[in-house]
Amino acid sequence: MAPISAPRILATSTFSRLFLLLSLSVLMHCNSSQATQPPQITEMVLYFQDFGAGPSATLIPFRTVFITNNFITETTDPNSPMVGRGQGMYVTSALDGSSTHAMFSIVVTNQPYNGSTLEIQGTAKQFEAVRKYSVVGGTGKFLFARGYTTFETISVDMPQAHSVIQCNVTIRLG
């Protein structure tokens, strides 16, 4: 077998380096083009129908823990089309009763998000006009969702133990 000459070794080494640099350049270009795409932002306005008493109660208190299964509608009218359920719990989390820790799911039941969920969690002052909570995840069309919600009580009917709470959701997917 004949020995490899020096120029051939140099050419093979140079080719290997060029191939490596070209490969890295292509990979970096692919990753940078994905990173520059703006995130997909989704905004929704939902209305929680909260019934604290009666045969259609959607809120059950256990001292300072409240289990909820509110239905969520398209408008403030409780008879408007239902878009989902708010299922989870609220816990009075401050010793003076001023804060509430929320842990619940928005379970969507209408198209195009049917079966998808948003997971809400956080602590807010329960008597503030607008309460903010984090969106910490989701499933279905909301997989990997991150964002925030604001809750604002729109109306309260004390004799019926019914309140309507507007929920503004802003999420980023991906």
N, C-alpha and C. Protein backbone atom coordinates (compact mmCIF):
# COMPACT_ATOMS: atom_id res chain seq x y z
N MET A 1 0.84 -1.17 0.00
CA MET A 1 0.00 0.00 0.00
C MET A 1 0.88 1.23 0.00
N ALA A 2 0.53 2.16 -0.83
CA ALA A 2 1.34 3.37 -0.99
C ALA A 2 1.01 4.36 0.11
N PRO A 3 2.03 5.04 0.64
CA PRO A 3 1.77 6.05 1.67
C PRO A 3 0.97 7.23 1.08
N ILE A 4 0.15 7.85 1.93
CA ILE A 4 -0.64 9.02 1.53
C ILE A 4 0.28 10.22 1.47
N SER A 5 0.18 10.95 0.41
CA SER A 5 1.06 12.11 0.26
C SER A 5 0.52 13.28 1.09
N ALA A 6 1.40 14.20 1.44
CA ALA A 6 1.05 15.36 2.26
C ALA A 6 -0.03 16.23 1.63
N PRO A 7 0.02 16.53 0.33
CA PRO A 7 -1.04 17.37 -0.23
C PRO A 7 -2.43 16.75 -0.13
N ARG A 8 -2.52 15.43 -0.25
CA ARG A 8 -3.81 14.77 -0.16
C ARG A 8 -4.37 14.85 1.26
N ILE A 9 -3.53 14.70 2.29
CA ILE A 9 -3.96 14.83 3.69
C ILE A 9 -4.46 16.24 3.94
N LEU A 10 -3.75 17.24 3.42
CA LEU A 10 -4.14 18.63 3.59
C LEU A 10 -5.50 18.89 2.93
N ALA A 11 -5.70 18.34 1.76
CA ALA A 11 -6.97 18.55 1.06
C ALA A 11 -8.12 17.89 1.81
N THR A 12 -7.92 16.70 2.35
CA THR A 12 -8.97 16.01 3.10
C THR A 12 -9.29 16.78 4.37
N SER A 13 -8.26 17.28 5.06
CA SER A 13 -8.47 18.04 6.28
C SER A 13 -9.21 19.35 6.00
N THR A 14 -8.85 20.03 4.94
CA THR A 14 -9.51 21.28 4.57
C THR A 14 -10.96 21.03 4.20
N PHE A 15 -11.23 19.97 3.43
CA PHE A 15 -12.60 19.62 3.05
C PHE A 15 -13.44 19.32 4.29
N SER A 16 -12.91 18.58 5.24
CA SER A 16 -13.64 18.24 6.48
C SER A 16 -14.01 19.50 7.25
N ARG A 17 -13.07 20.45 7.33
CA ARG A 17 -13.33 21.70 8.05
C ARG A 17 -14.41 22.52 7.34
N LEU A 18 -14.29 22.60 6.01
CA LEU A 18 -15.30 23.36 5.26
C LEU A 18 -16.68 22.73 5.40
N PHE A 19 -16.74 21.40 5.34
CA PHE A 19 -18.02 20.71 5.50
C PHE A 19 -18.61 20.97 6.88
N LEU A 20 -17.77 20.94 7.92
CA LEU A 20 -18.22 21.21 9.28
C LEU A 20 -18.74 22.64 9.41
N LEU A 21 -18.01 23.62 8.85
CA LEU A 21 -18.45 25.02 8.91
C LEU A 21 -19.75 25.22 8.16
N LEU A 22 -19.90 24.59 7.00
CA LEU A 22 -21.13 24.70 6.23
C LEU A 22 -22.30 24.11 7.00
N SER A 23 -22.10 22.95 7.62
CA SER A 23 -23.16 22.31 8.41
C SER A 23 -23.58 23.19 9.57
N LEU A 24 -22.62 23.74 10.29
CA LEU A 24 -22.94 24.63 11.41
C LEU A 24 -23.69 25.87 10.94
N SER A 25 -23.29 26.42 9.81
CA SER A 25 -23.94 27.60 9.27
C SER A 25 -25.40 27.31 8.93
N VAL A 26 -25.68 26.17 8.32
CA VAL A 26 -27.05 25.80 7.98
C VAL A 26 -27.87 25.61 9.25
N LEU A 27 -27.33 24.92 10.25
CA LEU A 27 -28.05 24.71 11.50
C LEU A 27 -28.35 26.03 12.21
N MET A 28 -27.39 26.93 12.25
CA MET A 28 -27.59 28.22 12.90
C MET A 28 -28.65 29.03 12.16
N HIS A 29 -28.67 28.98 10.85
CA HIS A 29 -29.68 29.71 10.08
C HIS A 29 -31.08 29.15 10.37
N CYS A 30 -31.21 27.82 10.42
CA CYS A 30 -32.52 27.21 10.71
C CYS A 30 -33.01 27.61 12.08
N ASN A 31 -32.14 27.57 13.09
CA ASN A 31 -32.54 27.93 14.45
C ASN A 31 -32.86 29.40 14.57
N SER A 32 -32.10 30.27 13.90
CA SER A 32 -32.35 31.70 14.03
C SER A 32 -33.64 32.10 13.35
N SER A 33 -34.02 31.44 12.24
CA SER A 33 -35.28 31.80 11.58
C SER A 33 -36.47 31.37 12.42
N GLN A 34 -36.35 30.27 13.18
CA GLN A 34 -37.44 29.87 14.07
C GLN A 34 -37.55 30.82 15.25
N ALA A 35 -36.44 31.30 15.75
CA ALA A 35 -36.44 32.16 16.93
C ALA A 35 -37.00 33.54 16.62
N THR A 36 -36.96 33.98 15.36
CA THR A 36 -37.43 35.31 15.04
C THR A 36 -38.93 35.35 14.75
N GLN A 37 -39.60 34.21 14.71
CA GLN A 37 -41.05 34.21 14.49
C GLN A 37 -41.74 34.75 15.74
N PRO A 38 -42.67 35.69 15.57
CA PRO A 38 -43.36 36.23 16.75
C PRO A 38 -44.25 35.17 17.39
N PRO A 39 -44.39 35.20 18.71
CA PRO A 39 -45.25 34.21 19.37
C PRO A 39 -46.72 34.45 19.00
N GLN A 40 -47.49 33.37 19.01
CA GLN A 40 -48.92 33.48 18.71
C GLN A 40 -49.65 33.91 19.98
N ILE A 41 -50.31 35.07 19.93
CA ILE A 41 -51.05 35.60 21.07
C ILE A 41 -52.54 35.36 20.82
N THR A 42 -53.23 34.82 21.83
CA THR A 42 -54.67 34.60 21.75
C THR A 42 -55.32 35.35 22.91
N GLU A 43 -56.39 36.08 22.60
CA GLU A 43 -57.13 36.80 23.62
C GLU A 43 -58.59 36.37 23.57
N MET A 44 -59.20 36.19 24.75
CA MET A 44 -60.59 35.78 24.86
C MET A 44 -61.25 36.56 25.99
N VAL A 45 -62.55 36.78 25.86
CA VAL A 45 -63.35 37.34 26.95
C VAL A 45 -64.42 36.31 27.27
N LEU A 46 -64.44 35.87 28.53
CA LEU A 46 -65.37 34.83 28.99
C LEU A 46 -66.15 35.37 30.18
N TYR A 47 -67.33 34.79 30.43
CA TYR A 47 -68.15 35.23 31.55
C TYR A 47 -68.49 34.05 32.44
N PHE A 48 -67.98 34.09 33.67
CA PHE A 48 -68.25 33.05 34.66
C PHE A 48 -69.59 33.35 35.32
N GLN A 49 -70.48 32.36 35.34
CA GLN A 49 -71.78 32.48 35.99
C GLN A 49 -71.65 31.77 37.33
N ASP A 50 -71.60 32.54 38.40
CA ASP A 50 -71.33 32.02 39.74
C ASP A 50 -72.61 32.03 40.56
N PHE A 51 -73.09 30.84 40.91
CA PHE A 51 -74.28 30.71 41.75
C PHE A 51 -73.84 30.14 43.10
N GLY A 52 -73.99 30.96 44.16
CA GLY A 52 -73.51 30.58 45.48
C GLY A 52 -74.50 29.82 46.33
N ALA A 53 -75.74 29.68 45.87
CA ALA A 53 -76.77 28.98 46.65
C ALA A 53 -77.85 28.48 45.72
N GLY A 54 -78.74 27.69 46.29
CA GLY A 54 -79.89 27.20 45.53
C GLY A 54 -79.62 25.88 44.83
N PRO A 55 -80.63 25.38 44.10
CA PRO A 55 -80.51 24.07 43.47
C PRO A 55 -79.47 24.03 42.34
N SER A 56 -79.14 25.19 41.74
CA SER A 56 -78.13 25.19 40.68
C SER A 56 -76.83 25.85 41.15
N ALA A 57 -76.50 25.69 42.43
CA ALA A 57 -75.26 26.27 42.97
C ALA A 57 -74.05 25.72 42.23
N THR A 58 -73.13 26.64 41.90
CA THR A 58 -71.89 26.25 41.22
C THR A 58 -70.68 26.46 42.11
N LEU A 59 -70.95 26.84 43.36
CA LEU A 59 -69.88 27.12 44.32
C LEU A 59 -70.26 26.48 45.65
N ILE A 60 -69.38 25.67 46.18
CA ILE A 60 -69.64 25.00 47.45
C ILE A 60 -68.57 25.40 48.45
N PRO A 61 -68.94 26.08 49.54
CA PRO A 61 -67.94 26.49 50.52
C PRO A 61 -67.67 25.38 51.56
N PHE A 62 -66.40 25.24 51.91
CA PHE A 62 -65.97 24.39 53.04
C PHE A 62 -65.09 25.27 53.90
N ARG A 63 -65.70 26.05 54.77
CA ARG A 63 -65.01 27.02 55.62
C ARG A 63 -64.27 28.04 54.76
N THR A 64 -62.95 27.93 54.58
CA THR A 64 -62.21 28.90 53.77
C THR A 64 -61.79 28.34 52.41
N VAL A 65 -62.31 27.17 52.07
CA VAL A 65 -62.05 26.56 50.76
C VAL A 65 -63.36 26.55 49.99
N PHE A 66 -63.32 26.95 48.74
CA PHE A 66 -64.51 27.00 47.90
C PHE A 66 -64.27 26.15 46.65
N ILE A 67 -65.09 25.15 46.44
CA ILE A 67 -65.02 24.30 45.26
C ILE A 67 -65.95 24.90 44.23
N THR A 68 -65.47 25.03 42.99
CA THR A 68 -66.28 25.68 41.97
C THR A 68 -66.39 24.84 40.70
N ASN A 69 -67.54 24.96 40.07
CA ASN A 69 -67.80 24.33 38.78
C ASN A 69 -68.73 25.27 38.00
N ASN A 70 -68.28 26.52 37.85
CA ASN A 70 -69.08 27.55 37.18
C ASN A 70 -69.21 27.25 35.70
N PHE A 71 -70.37 27.58 35.14
CA PHE A 71 -70.43 27.52 33.70
C PHE A 71 -70.00 28.87 33.14
N ILE A 72 -69.38 28.81 31.96
CA ILE A 72 -68.81 30.00 31.32
C ILE A 72 -69.61 30.26 30.05
N THR A 73 -70.03 31.51 29.88
CA THR A 73 -70.88 31.86 28.74
C THR A 73 -70.20 32.89 27.85
N GLU A 74 -70.81 33.08 26.66
CA GLU A 74 -70.28 34.04 25.68
C GLU A 74 -70.54 35.48 26.09
N THR A 75 -71.64 35.73 26.80
CA THR A 75 -72.00 37.09 27.22
C THR A 75 -72.34 37.08 28.71
N THR A 76 -72.72 38.23 29.22
CA THR A 76 -73.08 38.33 30.64
C THR A 76 -74.39 37.62 30.96
N ASP A 77 -75.22 37.40 29.97
CA ASP A 77 -76.51 36.74 30.14
C ASP A 77 -76.30 35.26 30.46
N PRO A 78 -76.80 34.76 31.60
CA PRO A 78 -76.60 33.35 31.94
C PRO A 78 -77.25 32.39 30.94
N ASN A 79 -78.16 32.89 30.12
CA ASN A 79 -78.80 32.05 29.10
C ASN A 79 -78.09 32.08 27.75
N SER A 80 -77.01 32.84 27.64
CA SER A 80 -76.25 32.88 26.39
C SER A 80 -75.50 31.56 26.21
N PRO A 81 -75.03 31.26 25.01
CA PRO A 81 -74.36 29.97 24.77
C PRO A 81 -73.21 29.71 25.72
N MET A 82 -73.16 28.48 26.22
CA MET A 82 -72.09 28.06 27.13
C MET A 82 -70.84 27.72 26.30
N VAL A 83 -69.69 28.20 26.76
CA VAL A 83 -68.43 27.91 26.07
C VAL A 83 -67.53 26.99 26.88
N GLY A 84 -67.88 26.76 28.15
CA GLY A 84 -67.03 25.89 28.95
C GLY A 84 -67.42 25.90 30.41
N ARG A 85 -66.52 25.35 31.22
CA ARG A 85 -66.70 25.30 32.68
C ARG A 85 -65.42 25.79 33.34
N GLY A 86 -65.61 26.43 34.49
CA GLY A 86 -64.49 26.81 35.35
C GLY A 86 -64.49 25.86 36.53
N GLN A 87 -63.56 24.92 36.56
CA GLN A 87 -63.56 23.86 37.57
C GLN A 87 -62.29 23.91 38.41
N GLY A 88 -62.47 23.98 39.73
CA GLY A 88 -61.31 23.98 40.61
C GLY A 88 -61.66 24.45 42.00
N MET A 89 -60.73 25.21 42.60
CA MET A 89 -60.97 25.68 43.96
C MET A 89 -60.32 27.02 44.21
N TYR A 90 -60.88 27.72 45.19
CA TYR A 90 -60.36 28.97 45.71
C TYR A 90 -60.15 28.76 47.20
N VAL A 91 -59.05 29.29 47.70
CA VAL A 91 -58.74 29.16 49.12
C VAL A 91 -58.44 30.54 49.68
N THR A 92 -59.10 30.89 50.78
CA THR A 92 -58.74 32.13 51.45
C THR A 92 -57.34 31.93 52.00
N SER A 93 -56.40 32.75 51.51
CA SER A 93 -54.99 32.46 51.80
C SER A 93 -54.31 33.48 52.70
N ALA A 94 -54.99 34.54 53.11
CA ALA A 94 -54.41 35.51 54.03
C ALA A 94 -55.11 35.37 55.38
N LEU A 95 -54.38 35.58 56.45
CA LEU A 95 -54.96 35.44 57.79
C LEU A 95 -56.11 36.41 58.02
N ASP A 96 -56.07 37.57 57.37
CA ASP A 96 -57.16 38.54 57.53
C ASP A 96 -58.27 38.33 56.51
N GLY A 97 -58.18 37.30 55.68
CA GLY A 97 -59.22 36.99 54.71
C GLY A 97 -59.20 37.85 53.46
N SER A 98 -58.14 38.63 53.26
CA SER A 98 -58.12 39.58 52.15
C SER A 98 -57.65 38.99 50.82
N SER A 99 -56.98 37.85 50.85
CA SER A 99 -56.46 37.26 49.61
C SER A 99 -57.05 35.89 49.36
N THR A 100 -57.12 35.57 48.09
CA THR A 100 -57.61 34.26 47.66
C THR A 100 -56.59 33.63 46.74
N HIS A 101 -56.29 32.37 46.99
CA HIS A 101 -55.44 31.61 46.08
C HIS A 101 -56.35 30.76 45.20
N ALA A 102 -56.22 30.91 43.89
CA ALA A 102 -57.07 30.18 42.94
C ALA A 102 -56.26 29.11 42.23
N MET A 103 -56.88 27.95 42.05
CA MET A 103 -56.31 26.84 41.28
C MET A 103 -57.46 26.20 40.54
N PHE A 104 -57.58 26.49 39.25
CA PHE A 104 -58.70 25.91 38.52
C PHE A 104 -58.39 25.80 37.04
N SER A 105 -59.24 25.06 36.36
CA SER A 105 -59.12 24.86 34.92
C SER A 105 -60.29 25.52 34.22
N ILE A 106 -60.00 26.15 33.10
CA ILE A 106 -61.04 26.57 32.18
C ILE A 106 -61.13 25.44 31.15
N VAL A 107 -62.23 24.70 31.21
CA VAL A 107 -62.43 23.55 30.33
C VAL A 107 -63.36 24.01 29.20
N VAL A 108 -62.84 24.12 27.99
CA VAL A 108 -63.60 24.66 26.87
C VAL A 108 -64.43 23.55 26.23
N THR A 109 -65.70 23.87 25.97
CA THR A 109 -66.62 22.86 25.41
C THR A 109 -67.17 23.24 24.04
N ASN A 110 -66.77 24.40 23.50
CA ASN A 110 -67.29 24.77 22.17
C ASN A 110 -66.15 24.80 21.15
N GLN A 111 -66.54 24.86 19.90
CA GLN A 111 -65.56 24.90 18.81
C GLN A 111 -64.95 26.30 18.74
N PRO A 112 -63.75 26.49 18.30
CA PRO A 112 -62.83 25.49 17.78
C PRO A 112 -61.90 24.88 18.83
N TYR A 113 -62.12 25.21 20.12
CA TYR A 113 -61.21 24.76 21.19
C TYR A 113 -61.78 23.62 22.02
N ASN A 114 -62.82 22.94 21.56
CA ASN A 114 -63.49 21.89 22.33
C ASN A 114 -62.49 20.88 22.89
N GLY A 115 -62.58 20.65 24.20
CA GLY A 115 -61.71 19.69 24.87
C GLY A 115 -60.39 20.27 25.35
N SER A 116 -60.07 21.49 24.97
CA SER A 116 -58.83 22.13 25.41
C SER A 116 -59.05 22.74 26.79
N THR A 117 -57.96 22.88 27.54
CA THR A 117 -58.06 23.50 28.86
C THR A 117 -56.98 24.56 29.04
N LEU A 118 -57.26 25.49 29.92
CA LEU A 118 -56.27 26.46 30.41
C LEU A 118 -56.18 26.28 31.91
N GLU A 119 -54.98 26.23 32.43
CA GLU A 119 -54.76 26.05 33.86
C GLU A 119 -54.41 27.40 34.48
N ILE A 120 -55.23 27.81 35.45
CA ILE A 120 -55.10 29.13 36.09
C ILE A 120 -54.63 28.92 37.53
N GLN A 121 -53.70 29.78 37.97
CA GLN A 121 -53.22 29.67 39.34
C GLN A 121 -52.67 31.01 39.80
N GLY A 122 -52.83 31.30 41.09
CA GLY A 122 -52.23 32.50 41.65
C GLY A 122 -53.00 33.03 42.84
N THR A 123 -52.46 34.09 43.41
CA THR A 123 -53.07 34.74 44.57
C THR A 123 -53.39 36.18 44.22
N ALA A 124 -54.55 36.65 44.66
CA ALA A 124 -54.96 38.03 44.42
C ALA A 124 -55.78 38.52 45.60
N LYS A 125 -55.84 39.83 45.76
CA LYS A 125 -56.69 40.44 46.79
C LYS A 125 -58.14 40.25 46.34
N GLN A 126 -58.92 39.54 47.13
CA GLN A 126 -60.25 39.15 46.67
C GLN A 126 -61.25 40.29 46.59
N PHE A 127 -60.98 41.42 47.22
CA PHE A 127 -61.93 42.52 47.19
C PHE A 127 -61.50 43.64 46.23
N GLU A 128 -60.46 43.42 45.45
CA GLU A 128 -60.06 44.41 44.46
C GLU A 128 -60.99 44.32 43.25
N ALA A 129 -61.16 45.44 42.57
CA ALA A 129 -62.06 45.48 41.41
C ALA A 129 -61.60 44.52 40.31
N VAL A 130 -60.30 44.45 40.08
CA VAL A 130 -59.73 43.57 39.06
C VAL A 130 -58.70 42.68 39.74
N ARG A 131 -58.88 41.36 39.58
CA ARG A 131 -57.95 40.39 40.14
C ARG A 131 -57.18 39.73 39.00
N LYS A 132 -55.87 39.56 39.17
CA LYS A 132 -55.03 38.96 38.13
C LYS A 132 -54.48 37.62 38.59
N TYR A 133 -54.51 36.65 37.67
CA TYR A 133 -53.96 35.32 37.92
C TYR A 133 -53.14 34.89 36.72
N SER A 134 -52.26 33.96 36.95
CA SER A 134 -51.40 33.45 35.88
C SER A 134 -52.05 32.29 35.14
N VAL A 135 -51.78 32.22 33.85
CA VAL A 135 -52.07 31.01 33.07
C VAL A 135 -50.77 30.23 33.08
N VAL A 136 -50.79 29.06 33.70
CA VAL A 136 -49.55 28.30 33.89
C VAL A 136 -49.42 27.11 32.96
N GLY A 137 -50.41 26.89 32.11
CA GLY A 137 -50.33 25.78 31.16
C GLY A 137 -51.66 25.55 30.48
N GLY A 138 -51.69 24.51 29.70
CA GLY A 138 -52.91 24.17 29.00
C GLY A 138 -52.78 22.85 28.27
N THR A 139 -53.90 22.41 27.70
CA THR A 139 -53.90 21.17 26.93
C THR A 139 -54.63 21.41 25.61
N GLY A 140 -54.58 20.43 24.73
CA GLY A 140 -55.26 20.54 23.44
C GLY A 140 -54.69 21.68 22.63
N LYS A 141 -55.56 22.56 22.14
CA LYS A 141 -55.13 23.71 21.32
C LYS A 141 -54.33 24.73 22.14
N PHE A 142 -54.38 24.59 23.48
CA PHE A 142 -53.66 25.51 24.36
C PHE A 142 -52.41 24.88 24.97
N LEU A 143 -51.89 23.85 24.34
CA LEU A 143 -50.69 23.17 24.85
C LEU A 143 -49.55 24.17 25.00
N PHE A 144 -48.88 24.15 26.13
CA PHE A 144 -47.76 25.03 26.46
C PHE A 144 -48.18 26.51 26.62
N ALA A 145 -49.46 26.76 26.86
CA ALA A 145 -49.93 28.15 27.01
C ALA A 145 -49.30 28.79 28.24
N ARG A 146 -48.98 30.06 28.11
CA ARG A 146 -48.50 30.90 29.21
C ARG A 146 -49.17 32.25 29.05
N GLY A 147 -49.51 32.89 30.15
CA GLY A 147 -50.13 34.20 30.05
C GLY A 147 -50.73 34.65 31.36
N TYR A 148 -51.81 35.42 31.25
CA TYR A 148 -52.47 35.92 32.45
C TYR A 148 -53.95 36.12 32.19
N THR A 149 -54.69 36.22 33.28
CA THR A 149 -56.12 36.50 33.21
C THR A 149 -56.42 37.66 34.15
N THR A 150 -57.47 38.38 33.84
CA THR A 150 -58.00 39.36 34.77
C THR A 150 -59.46 38.99 35.01
N PHE A 151 -59.88 39.09 36.26
CA PHE A 151 -61.26 38.81 36.64
C PHE A 151 -61.86 40.08 37.23
N GLU A 152 -63.05 40.41 36.75
CA GLU A 152 -63.75 41.60 37.23
C GLU A 152 -65.21 41.24 37.43
N THR A 153 -65.72 41.50 38.63
CA THR A 153 -67.13 41.23 38.91
C THR A 153 -67.97 42.28 38.19
N ILE A 154 -68.85 41.81 37.28
CA ILE A 154 -69.68 42.69 36.47
C ILE A 154 -71.01 42.99 37.17
N SER A 155 -71.61 41.96 37.77
CA SER A 155 -72.88 42.18 38.47
C SER A 155 -73.02 41.20 39.62
N VAL A 156 -73.79 41.61 40.63
CA VAL A 156 -74.07 40.77 41.79
C VAL A 156 -75.56 40.89 42.09
N ASP A 157 -76.23 39.74 42.16
CA ASP A 157 -77.65 39.68 42.53
C ASP A 157 -77.70 38.91 43.85
N MET A 158 -77.69 39.63 44.97
CA MET A 158 -77.62 39.00 46.29
C MET A 158 -78.81 38.08 46.57
N PRO A 159 -80.08 38.48 46.28
CA PRO A 159 -81.19 37.56 46.57
C PRO A 159 -81.08 36.22 45.81
N GLN A 160 -80.54 36.25 44.62
CA GLN A 160 -80.38 35.02 43.84
C GLN A 160 -79.02 34.36 44.08
N ALA A 161 -78.15 35.01 44.84
CA ALA A 161 -76.78 34.52 45.08
C ALA A 161 -76.06 34.26 43.76
N HIS A 162 -76.26 35.18 42.81
CA HIS A 162 -75.69 35.03 41.47
C HIS A 162 -74.78 36.21 41.16
N SER A 163 -73.61 35.93 40.68
CA SER A 163 -72.73 37.00 40.20
C SER A 163 -72.16 36.61 38.85
N VAL A 164 -71.87 37.63 38.06
CA VAL A 164 -71.26 37.44 36.75
C VAL A 164 -69.87 38.04 36.81
N ILE A 165 -68.89 37.23 36.45
CA ILE A 165 -67.50 37.65 36.53
C ILE A 165 -66.89 37.59 35.13
N GLN A 166 -66.42 38.74 34.67
CA GLN A 166 -65.78 38.78 33.35
C GLN A 166 -64.34 38.35 33.49
N CYS A 167 -63.93 37.44 32.62
CA CYS A 167 -62.56 36.92 32.61
C CYS A 167 -61.93 37.28 31.27
N ASN A 168 -60.88 38.08 31.31
CA ASN A 168 -60.11 38.42 30.11
C ASN A 168 -58.87 37.55 30.11
N VAL A 169 -58.68 36.77 29.07
CA VAL A 169 -57.56 35.84 28.99
C VAL A 169 -56.61 36.31 27.88
N THR A 170 -55.34 36.39 28.21
CA THR A 170 -54.30 36.69 27.21
C THR A 170 -53.25 35.59 27.35
N ILE A 171 -53.07 34.81 26.28
CA ILE A 171 -52.09 33.73 26.34
C ILE A 171 -51.16 33.76 25.14
N ARG A 172 -49.98 33.21 25.37
CA ARG A 172 -48.99 33.02 24.32
C ARG A 172 -48.79 31.52 24.20
N LEU A 173 -48.88 31.03 22.99
CA LEU A 173 -48.73 29.59 22.76
C LEU A 173 -47.33 29.28 22.24
N GLY A 174 -46.85 28.10 22.62
CA GLY A 174 -45.56 27.65 22.09
C GLY A 174 -44.40 28.02 22.94
